N, C-alpha and C. Protein backbone atom coordinates (compact mmCIF):
# COMPACT_ATOMS: atom_id res chain seq x y z
N MET A 1 -2.03 17.43 4.41
CA MET A 1 -1.94 16.78 5.72
C MET A 1 -1.70 15.29 5.53
N SER A 2 -0.74 14.73 6.27
CA SER A 2 -0.44 13.31 6.15
C SER A 2 -1.65 12.46 6.54
N THR A 3 -1.82 11.37 5.82
CA THR A 3 -3.00 10.52 5.97
C THR A 3 -2.59 9.06 6.06
N ILE A 4 -3.19 8.35 6.98
CA ILE A 4 -2.99 6.91 7.09
C ILE A 4 -4.22 6.20 6.55
N ALA A 5 -4.01 5.23 5.68
CA ALA A 5 -5.10 4.42 5.14
C ALA A 5 -4.87 2.96 5.48
N GLU A 6 -5.93 2.30 5.92
CA GLU A 6 -5.89 0.85 6.14
C GLU A 6 -6.55 0.19 4.93
N LEU A 7 -5.82 -0.70 4.29
CA LEU A 7 -6.21 -1.25 3.00
C LEU A 7 -6.29 -2.77 3.06
N GLN A 8 -7.15 -3.32 2.23
CA GLN A 8 -7.28 -4.77 2.12
C GLN A 8 -7.14 -5.16 0.65
N ILE A 9 -6.28 -6.13 0.38
CA ILE A 9 -6.01 -6.59 -0.98
C ILE A 9 -6.19 -8.10 -1.03
N PRO A 10 -6.95 -8.63 -2.01
CA PRO A 10 -7.07 -10.09 -2.12
C PRO A 10 -5.70 -10.74 -2.29
N ALA A 11 -5.47 -11.83 -1.58
CA ALA A 11 -4.17 -12.51 -1.67
C ALA A 11 -3.87 -12.95 -3.10
N ALA A 12 -4.92 -13.27 -3.86
CA ALA A 12 -4.73 -13.74 -5.24
C ALA A 12 -4.17 -12.65 -6.15
N GLU A 13 -4.24 -11.37 -5.74
CA GLU A 13 -3.78 -10.27 -6.57
C GLU A 13 -2.50 -9.65 -6.05
N PHE A 14 -1.82 -10.34 -5.15
CA PHE A 14 -0.65 -9.76 -4.51
C PHE A 14 0.47 -10.79 -4.48
N ALA A 15 1.65 -10.36 -4.10
CA ALA A 15 2.79 -11.26 -3.99
C ALA A 15 2.49 -12.43 -3.05
N LEU A 16 3.13 -13.57 -3.33
CA LEU A 16 3.07 -14.77 -2.49
C LEU A 16 1.75 -15.54 -2.62
N SER A 17 0.93 -15.25 -3.61
CA SER A 17 -0.34 -15.98 -3.74
C SER A 17 -0.10 -17.47 -3.97
N ALA A 18 0.95 -17.82 -4.72
CA ALA A 18 1.25 -19.24 -4.95
C ALA A 18 1.70 -19.92 -3.66
N THR A 19 2.40 -19.18 -2.80
CA THR A 19 2.81 -19.74 -1.52
C THR A 19 1.59 -20.00 -0.64
N PHE A 20 0.64 -19.08 -0.64
CA PHE A 20 -0.59 -19.29 0.13
C PHE A 20 -1.36 -20.50 -0.38
N ASP A 21 -1.35 -20.71 -1.69
CA ASP A 21 -2.03 -21.88 -2.25
C ASP A 21 -1.37 -23.17 -1.74
N ALA A 22 -0.06 -23.16 -1.65
CA ALA A 22 0.66 -24.35 -1.23
C ALA A 22 0.71 -24.52 0.29
N VAL A 23 0.68 -23.39 1.01
CA VAL A 23 0.77 -23.41 2.48
C VAL A 23 -0.34 -22.53 3.03
N PRO A 24 -1.58 -23.02 3.05
CA PRO A 24 -2.72 -22.17 3.41
C PRO A 24 -2.71 -21.67 4.85
N ASP A 25 -1.94 -22.31 5.74
CA ASP A 25 -1.91 -21.84 7.13
C ASP A 25 -0.81 -20.81 7.37
N ALA A 26 -0.06 -20.43 6.34
CA ALA A 26 1.03 -19.47 6.50
C ALA A 26 0.48 -18.08 6.80
N GLU A 27 1.19 -17.36 7.64
CA GLU A 27 0.89 -15.95 7.93
C GLU A 27 2.17 -15.16 7.80
N PHE A 28 2.08 -14.02 7.11
CA PHE A 28 3.24 -13.18 6.84
C PHE A 28 3.05 -11.82 7.50
N GLU A 29 4.06 -11.38 8.22
CA GLU A 29 4.07 -10.05 8.83
C GLU A 29 5.33 -9.33 8.35
N VAL A 30 5.14 -8.30 7.53
CA VAL A 30 6.28 -7.58 6.97
C VAL A 30 6.86 -6.65 8.02
N GLU A 31 8.13 -6.85 8.32
CA GLU A 31 8.84 -6.01 9.29
C GLU A 31 9.28 -4.70 8.64
N ARG A 32 9.75 -4.79 7.41
CA ARG A 32 10.22 -3.61 6.69
C ARG A 32 10.23 -3.94 5.21
N VAL A 33 9.92 -2.95 4.38
CA VAL A 33 9.94 -3.18 2.94
C VAL A 33 10.72 -2.06 2.27
N VAL A 34 11.62 -2.44 1.38
CA VAL A 34 12.49 -1.49 0.69
C VAL A 34 12.24 -1.60 -0.80
N ALA A 35 12.01 -0.47 -1.46
CA ALA A 35 11.86 -0.45 -2.92
C ALA A 35 13.21 -0.05 -3.51
N TYR A 36 13.99 -1.06 -3.94
CA TYR A 36 15.32 -0.74 -4.44
C TYR A 36 15.40 -0.80 -5.96
N ASP A 37 14.25 -1.00 -6.62
CA ASP A 37 14.21 -1.03 -8.07
C ASP A 37 12.78 -0.69 -8.49
N ARG A 38 12.58 -0.35 -9.77
CA ARG A 38 11.25 0.00 -10.24
C ARG A 38 10.34 -1.21 -10.34
N ASP A 39 10.90 -2.41 -10.38
CA ASP A 39 10.05 -3.59 -10.59
C ASP A 39 10.29 -4.68 -9.55
N ARG A 40 10.90 -4.33 -8.41
CA ARG A 40 11.06 -5.33 -7.36
C ARG A 40 11.13 -4.65 -6.01
N LEU A 41 10.73 -5.41 -4.99
CA LEU A 41 10.76 -4.94 -3.61
C LEU A 41 11.55 -5.92 -2.77
N LEU A 42 12.12 -5.43 -1.68
CA LEU A 42 12.89 -6.26 -0.76
C LEU A 42 12.26 -6.17 0.62
N PRO A 43 11.31 -7.07 0.93
CA PRO A 43 10.71 -7.07 2.27
C PRO A 43 11.45 -8.00 3.24
N PHE A 44 11.51 -7.58 4.50
CA PHE A 44 11.95 -8.43 5.58
C PHE A 44 10.68 -8.89 6.29
N THR A 45 10.45 -10.20 6.32
CA THR A 45 9.12 -10.72 6.65
C THR A 45 9.20 -11.84 7.67
N TRP A 46 8.40 -11.70 8.74
CA TRP A 46 8.22 -12.78 9.71
C TRP A 46 7.13 -13.71 9.20
N VAL A 47 7.36 -15.02 9.31
CA VAL A 47 6.42 -16.01 8.78
C VAL A 47 6.17 -17.08 9.83
N THR A 48 4.92 -17.52 9.93
CA THR A 48 4.57 -18.70 10.70
C THR A 48 3.76 -19.64 9.80
N ALA A 49 3.93 -20.92 10.03
CA ALA A 49 3.16 -21.94 9.31
C ALA A 49 3.11 -23.16 10.22
N ASP A 50 2.29 -23.08 11.25
CA ASP A 50 2.31 -24.05 12.34
C ASP A 50 2.05 -25.48 11.88
N GLU A 51 1.09 -25.67 10.98
CA GLU A 51 0.73 -27.02 10.56
C GLU A 51 1.66 -27.55 9.48
N SER A 52 2.02 -26.71 8.54
CA SER A 52 2.80 -27.18 7.39
C SER A 52 4.28 -27.33 7.71
N GLY A 53 4.82 -26.44 8.53
CA GLY A 53 6.24 -26.52 8.87
C GLY A 53 7.12 -25.78 7.88
N ARG A 54 8.38 -25.58 8.28
CA ARG A 54 9.27 -24.74 7.50
C ARG A 54 9.72 -25.40 6.20
N ASP A 55 9.88 -26.71 6.17
CA ASP A 55 10.34 -27.36 4.95
C ASP A 55 9.34 -27.15 3.81
N VAL A 56 8.07 -27.30 4.11
CA VAL A 56 7.03 -27.09 3.10
C VAL A 56 7.00 -25.62 2.69
N LEU A 57 7.14 -24.73 3.67
CA LEU A 57 7.15 -23.30 3.37
C LEU A 57 8.32 -22.93 2.48
N ASP A 58 9.51 -23.42 2.81
CA ASP A 58 10.69 -23.09 2.01
C ASP A 58 10.53 -23.55 0.56
N GLU A 59 9.98 -24.74 0.37
CA GLU A 59 9.77 -25.24 -1.00
C GLU A 59 8.77 -24.37 -1.74
N ALA A 60 7.68 -23.97 -1.05
CA ALA A 60 6.68 -23.12 -1.68
C ALA A 60 7.26 -21.77 -2.07
N LEU A 61 8.09 -21.19 -1.22
CA LEU A 61 8.71 -19.91 -1.53
C LEU A 61 9.66 -20.02 -2.72
N ARG A 62 10.41 -21.11 -2.79
CA ARG A 62 11.32 -21.31 -3.92
C ARG A 62 10.57 -21.45 -5.24
N ASP A 63 9.36 -22.03 -5.19
CA ASP A 63 8.59 -22.26 -6.41
C ASP A 63 7.67 -21.09 -6.76
N ASP A 64 7.57 -20.11 -5.89
CA ASP A 64 6.63 -18.99 -6.09
C ASP A 64 7.18 -18.03 -7.15
N PRO A 65 6.44 -17.81 -8.25
CA PRO A 65 6.95 -16.92 -9.32
C PRO A 65 7.05 -15.46 -8.91
N SER A 66 6.40 -15.07 -7.81
CA SER A 66 6.48 -13.68 -7.37
C SER A 66 7.73 -13.42 -6.52
N VAL A 67 8.47 -14.49 -6.21
CA VAL A 67 9.66 -14.39 -5.36
C VAL A 67 10.89 -14.78 -6.16
N ASP A 68 11.91 -13.93 -6.12
CA ASP A 68 13.14 -14.21 -6.87
C ASP A 68 14.19 -14.88 -5.99
N GLN A 69 14.48 -14.29 -4.84
CA GLN A 69 15.48 -14.85 -3.93
C GLN A 69 14.91 -14.86 -2.52
N VAL A 70 15.26 -15.88 -1.75
CA VAL A 70 14.78 -16.02 -0.38
C VAL A 70 15.96 -16.39 0.51
N GLU A 71 16.07 -15.72 1.64
CA GLU A 71 17.12 -16.04 2.61
C GLU A 71 16.53 -16.04 4.01
N LEU A 72 16.71 -17.15 4.72
CA LEU A 72 16.27 -17.22 6.11
C LEU A 72 17.30 -16.53 6.98
N LEU A 73 16.84 -15.53 7.76
CA LEU A 73 17.73 -14.76 8.62
C LEU A 73 17.69 -15.22 10.07
N THR A 74 16.49 -15.58 10.55
CA THR A 74 16.33 -15.93 11.96
C THR A 74 15.27 -17.01 12.10
N ASP A 75 15.52 -17.97 12.98
CA ASP A 75 14.57 -19.03 13.31
C ASP A 75 14.29 -18.95 14.81
N LEU A 76 13.05 -18.59 15.16
CA LEU A 76 12.67 -18.42 16.56
C LEU A 76 11.51 -19.34 16.91
N ASP A 77 11.79 -20.62 17.06
CA ASP A 77 10.79 -21.55 17.58
C ASP A 77 9.46 -21.44 16.86
N GLY A 78 9.48 -21.60 15.55
CA GLY A 78 8.24 -21.57 14.78
C GLY A 78 7.90 -20.23 14.16
N GLU A 79 8.71 -19.20 14.41
CA GLU A 79 8.58 -17.91 13.72
C GLU A 79 9.89 -17.66 13.00
N TRP A 80 9.80 -17.37 11.70
CA TRP A 80 11.00 -17.28 10.87
C TRP A 80 11.05 -15.93 10.18
N LEU A 81 12.22 -15.32 10.22
CA LEU A 81 12.42 -14.04 9.55
C LEU A 81 13.16 -14.29 8.24
N TYR A 82 12.51 -13.89 7.13
CA TYR A 82 13.08 -14.05 5.81
C TYR A 82 13.36 -12.69 5.18
N ARG A 83 14.40 -12.68 4.36
CA ARG A 83 14.61 -11.58 3.41
C ARG A 83 14.36 -12.16 2.04
N MET A 84 13.52 -11.50 1.25
CA MET A 84 13.16 -12.04 -0.05
C MET A 84 12.95 -10.92 -1.06
N ASP A 85 13.09 -11.25 -2.32
CA ASP A 85 12.79 -10.31 -3.41
C ASP A 85 11.40 -10.60 -3.94
N TRP A 86 10.53 -9.58 -3.94
CA TRP A 86 9.23 -9.70 -4.60
C TRP A 86 9.36 -9.08 -5.99
N VAL A 87 9.01 -9.84 -7.03
CA VAL A 87 9.22 -9.38 -8.40
C VAL A 87 7.96 -9.42 -9.25
N ASP A 88 6.83 -9.85 -8.66
CA ASP A 88 5.59 -9.94 -9.44
C ASP A 88 4.41 -9.65 -8.53
N ALA A 89 3.32 -9.13 -9.13
CA ALA A 89 2.08 -8.81 -8.39
C ALA A 89 2.33 -7.78 -7.29
N ILE A 90 3.19 -6.81 -7.58
CA ILE A 90 3.52 -5.77 -6.59
C ILE A 90 3.31 -4.37 -7.15
N ASP A 91 2.49 -4.25 -8.23
CA ASP A 91 2.31 -2.96 -8.88
C ASP A 91 1.82 -1.89 -7.92
N PHE A 92 0.89 -2.26 -7.03
CA PHE A 92 0.35 -1.26 -6.11
C PHE A 92 1.43 -0.74 -5.16
N LEU A 93 2.20 -1.64 -4.56
CA LEU A 93 3.23 -1.19 -3.63
C LEU A 93 4.32 -0.39 -4.34
N VAL A 94 4.70 -0.80 -5.52
CA VAL A 94 5.70 -0.05 -6.28
C VAL A 94 5.19 1.36 -6.54
N HIS A 95 3.90 1.48 -6.87
CA HIS A 95 3.33 2.80 -7.14
C HIS A 95 3.35 3.68 -5.89
N VAL A 96 2.86 3.17 -4.76
CA VAL A 96 2.76 4.02 -3.57
C VAL A 96 4.14 4.37 -3.02
N LEU A 97 5.11 3.45 -3.14
CA LEU A 97 6.44 3.73 -2.61
C LEU A 97 7.24 4.65 -3.52
N ASN A 98 7.19 4.40 -4.83
CA ASN A 98 8.02 5.16 -5.77
C ASN A 98 7.36 6.43 -6.29
N GLU A 99 6.07 6.36 -6.58
CA GLU A 99 5.39 7.50 -7.19
C GLU A 99 4.79 8.45 -6.14
N GLU A 100 4.25 7.90 -5.08
CA GLU A 100 3.58 8.73 -4.08
C GLU A 100 4.43 8.96 -2.83
N HIS A 101 5.57 8.30 -2.76
CA HIS A 101 6.49 8.47 -1.61
C HIS A 101 5.79 8.18 -0.29
N ALA A 102 4.95 7.17 -0.31
CA ALA A 102 4.25 6.73 0.90
C ALA A 102 5.13 5.76 1.67
N THR A 103 4.71 5.43 2.89
CA THR A 103 5.44 4.52 3.76
C THR A 103 4.51 3.41 4.22
N VAL A 104 4.94 2.17 4.07
CA VAL A 104 4.17 1.03 4.57
C VAL A 104 4.48 0.86 6.05
N LEU A 105 3.47 1.13 6.90
CA LEU A 105 3.66 1.02 8.35
C LEU A 105 3.52 -0.42 8.81
N THR A 106 2.51 -1.12 8.31
CA THR A 106 2.32 -2.53 8.65
C THR A 106 1.77 -3.24 7.42
N ALA A 107 2.09 -4.51 7.32
CA ALA A 107 1.54 -5.37 6.26
C ALA A 107 1.44 -6.78 6.80
N PHE A 108 0.24 -7.33 6.75
CA PHE A 108 0.00 -8.68 7.29
C PHE A 108 -0.76 -9.48 6.25
N GLY A 109 -0.23 -10.65 5.91
CA GLY A 109 -0.85 -11.49 4.89
C GLY A 109 -1.26 -12.83 5.43
N GLU A 110 -2.45 -13.30 5.02
CA GLU A 110 -2.92 -14.64 5.33
C GLU A 110 -3.56 -15.21 4.08
N SER A 111 -4.19 -16.37 4.18
CA SER A 111 -4.55 -17.17 3.01
C SER A 111 -5.38 -16.43 1.97
N ASP A 112 -6.27 -15.55 2.40
CA ASP A 112 -7.18 -14.92 1.43
C ASP A 112 -7.01 -13.42 1.27
N ARG A 113 -6.13 -12.79 2.05
CA ARG A 113 -6.03 -11.34 1.96
C ARG A 113 -4.72 -10.83 2.56
N TRP A 114 -4.39 -9.60 2.13
CA TRP A 114 -3.34 -8.81 2.76
C TRP A 114 -3.97 -7.58 3.40
N LEU A 115 -3.54 -7.25 4.59
CA LEU A 115 -3.97 -6.04 5.28
C LEU A 115 -2.78 -5.11 5.39
N LEU A 116 -2.92 -3.91 4.83
CA LEU A 116 -1.83 -2.95 4.82
C LEU A 116 -2.24 -1.67 5.54
N ARG A 117 -1.30 -1.06 6.20
CA ARG A 117 -1.49 0.25 6.83
C ARG A 117 -0.42 1.17 6.24
N VAL A 118 -0.85 2.16 5.47
CA VAL A 118 0.08 2.97 4.68
C VAL A 118 -0.04 4.43 5.06
N LEU A 119 1.10 5.07 5.26
CA LEU A 119 1.14 6.51 5.53
C LEU A 119 1.38 7.25 4.22
N PHE A 120 0.38 8.03 3.78
CA PHE A 120 0.49 8.82 2.56
C PHE A 120 0.82 10.27 2.92
N PRO A 121 1.54 10.98 2.06
CA PRO A 121 1.86 12.38 2.34
C PRO A 121 0.62 13.26 2.51
N ASP A 122 -0.46 12.94 1.78
CA ASP A 122 -1.69 13.72 1.87
C ASP A 122 -2.83 12.93 1.26
N ARG A 123 -4.05 13.50 1.34
CA ARG A 123 -5.22 12.81 0.79
C ARG A 123 -5.12 12.64 -0.73
N ASP A 124 -4.52 13.60 -1.40
CA ASP A 124 -4.43 13.53 -2.86
C ASP A 124 -3.60 12.32 -3.29
N SER A 125 -2.52 12.05 -2.57
CA SER A 125 -1.69 10.90 -2.94
C SER A 125 -2.44 9.59 -2.72
N LEU A 126 -3.26 9.54 -1.68
CA LEU A 126 -4.10 8.36 -1.46
C LEU A 126 -5.12 8.22 -2.58
N SER A 127 -5.74 9.33 -2.97
CA SER A 127 -6.72 9.29 -4.06
C SER A 127 -6.09 8.84 -5.37
N ARG A 128 -4.89 9.33 -5.65
CA ARG A 128 -4.21 8.91 -6.88
C ARG A 128 -3.90 7.42 -6.85
N SER A 129 -3.52 6.92 -5.69
CA SER A 129 -3.23 5.49 -5.57
C SER A 129 -4.48 4.66 -5.78
N TYR A 130 -5.60 5.15 -5.26
CA TYR A 130 -6.87 4.44 -5.46
C TYR A 130 -7.25 4.45 -6.94
N ASP A 131 -7.06 5.59 -7.60
CA ASP A 131 -7.34 5.68 -9.03
C ASP A 131 -6.43 4.73 -9.83
N PHE A 132 -5.17 4.63 -9.40
CA PHE A 132 -4.23 3.71 -10.06
C PHE A 132 -4.76 2.28 -9.99
N CYS A 133 -5.31 1.90 -8.85
CA CYS A 133 -5.85 0.55 -8.69
C CYS A 133 -7.04 0.32 -9.62
N GLU A 134 -7.92 1.30 -9.71
CA GLU A 134 -9.08 1.15 -10.60
C GLU A 134 -8.64 1.05 -12.05
N GLN A 135 -7.66 1.84 -12.45
CA GLN A 135 -7.20 1.84 -13.83
C GLN A 135 -6.48 0.54 -14.20
N THR A 136 -5.83 -0.07 -13.24
CA THR A 136 -5.07 -1.30 -13.52
C THR A 136 -5.82 -2.56 -13.14
N GLY A 137 -7.06 -2.42 -12.65
CA GLY A 137 -7.88 -3.57 -12.33
C GLY A 137 -7.54 -4.26 -11.03
N LEU A 138 -6.89 -3.56 -10.10
CA LEU A 138 -6.56 -4.14 -8.80
C LEU A 138 -7.70 -3.92 -7.82
N SER A 139 -8.01 -4.93 -7.03
CA SER A 139 -9.15 -4.88 -6.11
C SER A 139 -8.70 -4.46 -4.71
N VAL A 140 -8.31 -3.20 -4.57
CA VAL A 140 -7.87 -2.68 -3.28
C VAL A 140 -9.05 -1.99 -2.60
N GLU A 141 -9.34 -2.42 -1.37
CA GLU A 141 -10.43 -1.83 -0.59
C GLU A 141 -9.86 -0.94 0.51
N VAL A 142 -10.30 0.31 0.56
CA VAL A 142 -9.91 1.21 1.64
C VAL A 142 -10.90 1.03 2.78
N THR A 143 -10.44 0.47 3.89
CA THR A 143 -11.35 0.17 5.01
C THR A 143 -11.40 1.28 6.04
N SER A 144 -10.31 2.04 6.20
CA SER A 144 -10.29 3.14 7.17
C SER A 144 -9.30 4.19 6.73
N ILE A 145 -9.58 5.44 7.09
CA ILE A 145 -8.68 6.56 6.80
C ILE A 145 -8.55 7.39 8.07
N TYR A 146 -7.31 7.81 8.39
CA TYR A 146 -7.06 8.60 9.58
C TYR A 146 -6.19 9.80 9.24
N GLU A 147 -6.49 10.94 9.85
CA GLU A 147 -5.62 12.10 9.75
C GLU A 147 -4.71 12.15 10.97
N LEU A 148 -3.52 12.69 10.81
CA LEU A 148 -2.54 12.65 11.88
C LEU A 148 -2.80 13.66 13.00
N ASP A 149 -3.60 14.68 12.76
CA ASP A 149 -3.79 15.70 13.79
C ASP A 149 -5.10 15.52 14.54
N GLN A 150 -5.75 14.39 14.36
CA GLN A 150 -7.03 14.15 15.01
C GLN A 150 -6.96 12.86 15.79
N ARG A 151 -7.78 12.75 16.84
CA ARG A 151 -7.74 11.59 17.71
C ARG A 151 -8.36 10.38 17.02
N ARG A 152 -7.74 9.25 17.20
CA ARG A 152 -8.29 8.01 16.65
C ARG A 152 -8.49 7.01 17.78
N SER A 153 -9.33 6.05 17.53
CA SER A 153 -9.53 4.95 18.46
C SER A 153 -9.56 3.67 17.65
N GLY A 154 -9.54 2.54 18.34
CA GLY A 154 -9.62 1.28 17.61
C GLY A 154 -8.40 0.42 17.84
N GLN A 155 -8.13 -0.46 16.90
CA GLN A 155 -7.06 -1.42 17.05
C GLN A 155 -5.71 -0.77 16.78
N PHE A 156 -4.63 -1.45 17.16
CA PHE A 156 -3.30 -0.88 17.08
C PHE A 156 -2.38 -1.68 16.18
N GLY A 157 -2.94 -2.38 15.22
CA GLY A 157 -2.11 -3.06 14.24
C GLY A 157 -1.38 -4.27 14.76
N LEU A 158 -1.86 -4.87 15.86
CA LEU A 158 -1.20 -6.05 16.44
C LEU A 158 -1.65 -7.32 15.73
N THR A 159 -0.73 -8.26 15.57
CA THR A 159 -1.12 -9.58 15.09
C THR A 159 -1.76 -10.35 16.24
N ALA A 160 -2.40 -11.47 15.91
CA ALA A 160 -3.07 -12.27 16.94
C ALA A 160 -2.05 -12.78 17.97
N ASN A 161 -0.87 -13.21 17.49
CA ASN A 161 0.16 -13.70 18.41
C ASN A 161 0.67 -12.60 19.33
N GLN A 162 0.88 -11.42 18.77
CA GLN A 162 1.34 -10.30 19.60
C GLN A 162 0.29 -9.92 20.64
N LEU A 163 -0.97 -9.86 20.23
CA LEU A 163 -2.05 -9.51 21.16
C LEU A 163 -2.13 -10.53 22.29
N GLU A 164 -2.10 -11.82 21.94
CA GLU A 164 -2.18 -12.87 22.95
C GLU A 164 -1.00 -12.78 23.92
N SER A 165 0.19 -12.54 23.40
CA SER A 165 1.37 -12.47 24.25
C SER A 165 1.33 -11.28 25.18
N LEU A 166 0.91 -10.13 24.69
CA LEU A 166 0.84 -8.93 25.52
C LEU A 166 -0.21 -9.09 26.63
N ILE A 167 -1.36 -9.63 26.28
CA ILE A 167 -2.42 -9.83 27.27
C ILE A 167 -2.00 -10.84 28.32
N THR A 168 -1.40 -11.95 27.87
CA THR A 168 -0.96 -12.98 28.82
C THR A 168 0.12 -12.43 29.75
N ALA A 169 1.06 -11.68 29.21
CA ALA A 169 2.11 -11.08 30.04
C ALA A 169 1.52 -10.15 31.08
N SER A 170 0.52 -9.39 30.68
CA SER A 170 -0.13 -8.48 31.63
C SER A 170 -0.89 -9.25 32.71
N GLU A 171 -1.63 -10.27 32.29
CA GLU A 171 -2.41 -11.06 33.25
C GLU A 171 -1.51 -11.81 34.23
N GLN A 172 -0.34 -12.22 33.76
CA GLN A 172 0.58 -12.96 34.62
C GLN A 172 1.38 -12.05 35.55
N GLY A 173 1.26 -10.73 35.36
CA GLY A 173 1.96 -9.78 36.22
C GLY A 173 3.35 -9.41 35.74
N TYR A 174 3.66 -9.67 34.47
CA TYR A 174 5.00 -9.40 33.95
C TYR A 174 5.31 -7.90 33.99
N TYR A 175 4.30 -7.05 33.83
CA TYR A 175 4.53 -5.61 33.79
C TYR A 175 4.43 -4.94 35.16
N GLU A 176 4.13 -5.71 36.17
CA GLU A 176 4.02 -5.15 37.52
C GLU A 176 5.40 -4.87 38.11
N VAL A 177 5.43 -3.99 39.13
CA VAL A 177 6.66 -3.70 39.86
C VAL A 177 6.43 -3.97 41.34
N PRO A 178 7.06 -4.99 41.94
CA PRO A 178 7.96 -5.95 41.26
C PRO A 178 7.16 -6.90 40.39
N ARG A 179 7.83 -7.58 39.49
CA ARG A 179 7.16 -8.44 38.53
C ARG A 179 6.53 -9.64 39.21
N GLY A 180 5.32 -9.95 38.75
CA GLY A 180 4.63 -11.13 39.26
C GLY A 180 4.98 -12.39 38.51
N ALA A 181 5.65 -12.25 37.36
CA ALA A 181 6.06 -13.41 36.57
C ALA A 181 7.28 -13.03 35.74
N THR A 182 8.15 -13.98 35.51
CA THR A 182 9.31 -13.76 34.65
C THR A 182 8.93 -14.00 33.19
N LEU A 183 9.82 -13.59 32.31
CA LEU A 183 9.59 -13.82 30.88
C LEU A 183 9.50 -15.31 30.59
N THR A 184 10.32 -16.11 31.26
CA THR A 184 10.29 -17.56 31.06
C THR A 184 8.96 -18.15 31.50
N GLU A 185 8.41 -17.67 32.62
CA GLU A 185 7.14 -18.17 33.12
C GLU A 185 5.99 -17.82 32.16
N VAL A 186 6.02 -16.60 31.62
CA VAL A 186 5.00 -16.22 30.64
C VAL A 186 5.14 -17.07 29.38
N ALA A 187 6.37 -17.31 28.94
CA ALA A 187 6.61 -18.13 27.75
C ALA A 187 6.09 -19.55 27.98
N ASP A 188 6.31 -20.09 29.18
CA ASP A 188 5.81 -21.43 29.49
C ASP A 188 4.28 -21.46 29.44
N GLU A 189 3.65 -20.40 29.92
CA GLU A 189 2.18 -20.31 29.88
C GLU A 189 1.67 -20.34 28.44
N LEU A 190 2.40 -19.70 27.54
CA LEU A 190 2.00 -19.64 26.13
C LEU A 190 2.47 -20.86 25.34
N GLY A 191 3.39 -21.63 25.91
CA GLY A 191 3.91 -22.80 25.21
C GLY A 191 4.90 -22.47 24.13
N ILE A 192 5.65 -21.37 24.29
CA ILE A 192 6.67 -20.98 23.32
C ILE A 192 7.98 -20.75 24.06
N SER A 193 9.05 -20.51 23.30
CA SER A 193 10.36 -20.31 23.92
C SER A 193 10.48 -18.90 24.49
N HIS A 194 11.43 -18.77 25.42
CA HIS A 194 11.75 -17.47 26.01
C HIS A 194 12.12 -16.47 24.91
N GLN A 195 12.93 -16.89 23.96
CA GLN A 195 13.38 -16.00 22.89
C GLN A 195 12.24 -15.59 21.97
N ALA A 196 11.36 -16.54 21.64
CA ALA A 196 10.22 -16.23 20.77
C ALA A 196 9.30 -15.21 21.44
N LEU A 197 9.05 -15.38 22.75
CA LEU A 197 8.20 -14.43 23.46
C LEU A 197 8.85 -13.06 23.50
N SER A 198 10.15 -13.02 23.74
CA SER A 198 10.84 -11.73 23.77
C SER A 198 10.67 -10.98 22.47
N GLU A 199 10.79 -11.70 21.34
CA GLU A 199 10.61 -11.06 20.03
C GLU A 199 9.17 -10.61 19.82
N ARG A 200 8.21 -11.43 20.22
CA ARG A 200 6.79 -11.04 20.07
C ARG A 200 6.49 -9.78 20.86
N LEU A 201 6.97 -9.72 22.10
CA LEU A 201 6.71 -8.55 22.93
C LEU A 201 7.40 -7.32 22.36
N ARG A 202 8.63 -7.50 21.87
CA ARG A 202 9.34 -6.36 21.30
C ARG A 202 8.58 -5.79 20.11
N ARG A 203 8.14 -6.68 19.20
CA ARG A 203 7.43 -6.19 18.03
C ARG A 203 6.06 -5.64 18.42
N GLY A 204 5.40 -6.28 19.40
CA GLY A 204 4.11 -5.78 19.86
C GLY A 204 4.23 -4.41 20.49
N HIS A 205 5.27 -4.21 21.32
CA HIS A 205 5.48 -2.89 21.92
C HIS A 205 5.73 -1.85 20.84
N GLY A 206 6.50 -2.24 19.82
CA GLY A 206 6.76 -1.31 18.72
C GLY A 206 5.48 -0.91 18.00
N ARG A 207 4.60 -1.90 17.75
CA ARG A 207 3.33 -1.60 17.09
C ARG A 207 2.48 -0.66 17.95
N LEU A 208 2.43 -0.92 19.25
CA LEU A 208 1.62 -0.08 20.13
C LEU A 208 2.13 1.36 20.14
N VAL A 209 3.44 1.53 20.25
CA VAL A 209 4.00 2.89 20.26
C VAL A 209 3.73 3.58 18.93
N GLN A 210 4.00 2.87 17.84
CA GLN A 210 3.82 3.45 16.51
C GLN A 210 2.38 3.85 16.25
N ASN A 211 1.46 2.95 16.56
CA ASN A 211 0.07 3.17 16.18
C ASN A 211 -0.70 3.99 17.20
N ALA A 212 -0.20 4.07 18.45
CA ALA A 212 -0.85 4.91 19.44
C ALA A 212 -0.43 6.36 19.29
N LEU A 213 0.79 6.58 18.82
CA LEU A 213 1.28 7.95 18.68
C LEU A 213 0.93 8.55 17.33
N VAL A 214 0.80 7.70 16.30
CA VAL A 214 0.34 8.18 15.00
C VAL A 214 -1.18 8.10 15.02
N ILE A 215 -1.81 9.17 15.42
CA ILE A 215 -3.24 9.14 15.71
C ILE A 215 -4.03 9.92 14.69
N GLY A 216 -5.32 9.61 14.59
CA GLY A 216 -6.19 10.30 13.65
C GLY A 216 -7.62 9.92 13.90
N THR A 217 -8.49 10.19 12.97
CA THR A 217 -9.89 9.85 13.12
C THR A 217 -10.35 9.10 11.90
N GLN A 218 -11.28 8.21 12.06
CA GLN A 218 -11.74 7.35 10.97
C GLN A 218 -12.67 8.12 10.05
N ASP A 219 -12.50 7.85 8.75
CA ASP A 219 -13.36 8.43 7.72
C ASP A 219 -13.58 7.38 6.67
N ASP A 220 -14.76 6.76 6.67
CA ASP A 220 -15.03 5.65 5.75
C ASP A 220 -15.68 6.08 4.44
N GLY A 221 -15.96 7.36 4.28
CA GLY A 221 -16.79 7.75 3.15
C GLY A 221 -16.07 8.33 1.97
N LEU A 222 -14.74 8.40 2.00
CA LEU A 222 -14.02 9.11 0.95
C LEU A 222 -14.21 8.49 -0.42
N PHE A 223 -14.22 7.17 -0.51
CA PHE A 223 -14.25 6.51 -1.81
C PHE A 223 -15.58 5.85 -2.10
N ARG A 224 -16.64 6.22 -1.40
CA ARG A 224 -17.94 5.64 -1.67
C ARG A 224 -18.63 6.40 -2.79
């Protein structure tokens, strides 16, 4: 039976740790990750760094030994979409993607940790991945486990920005018929651009659909 695991990995043991050291306010949200080689990954990643700014972030990414190539694809008023090659500190992801044929549903990184939500083909593949971490000395913590045929409750994998934008849009009447507020009015309330809000809502809606329909029940005792 397919299983979803919510995992936590110390930022120091994962890709981009040098970038976090240089830009501690940076937050990374992986949109999609592709394993196109045995020793490298190609993630498409949204990044914010409100205090440091993009120039500092770009320099940190260029100097980060876990990153080989970086390309800015989109600039949305303080949120930037990058395509980059991860080439170091990615043993866990390479294992789950190539060996266990798992799927990374969400990945969010901040200064001290990465939070991942991974769909495994079954419990055995999750157990093997956990064993791989123990054998290689990786500090991966399994915080929650869900089965796909059982009801789950809890959070829906939203980032803080997505949650704030969705709640504000609802409070302002954006989802009402007829609408009580336009997208521009909600964006003005949040202090961001119309385009940035549109992207936040789009990604937030995607997270809600994905995580509300992929349902299960929590089981915290498997690896205790």
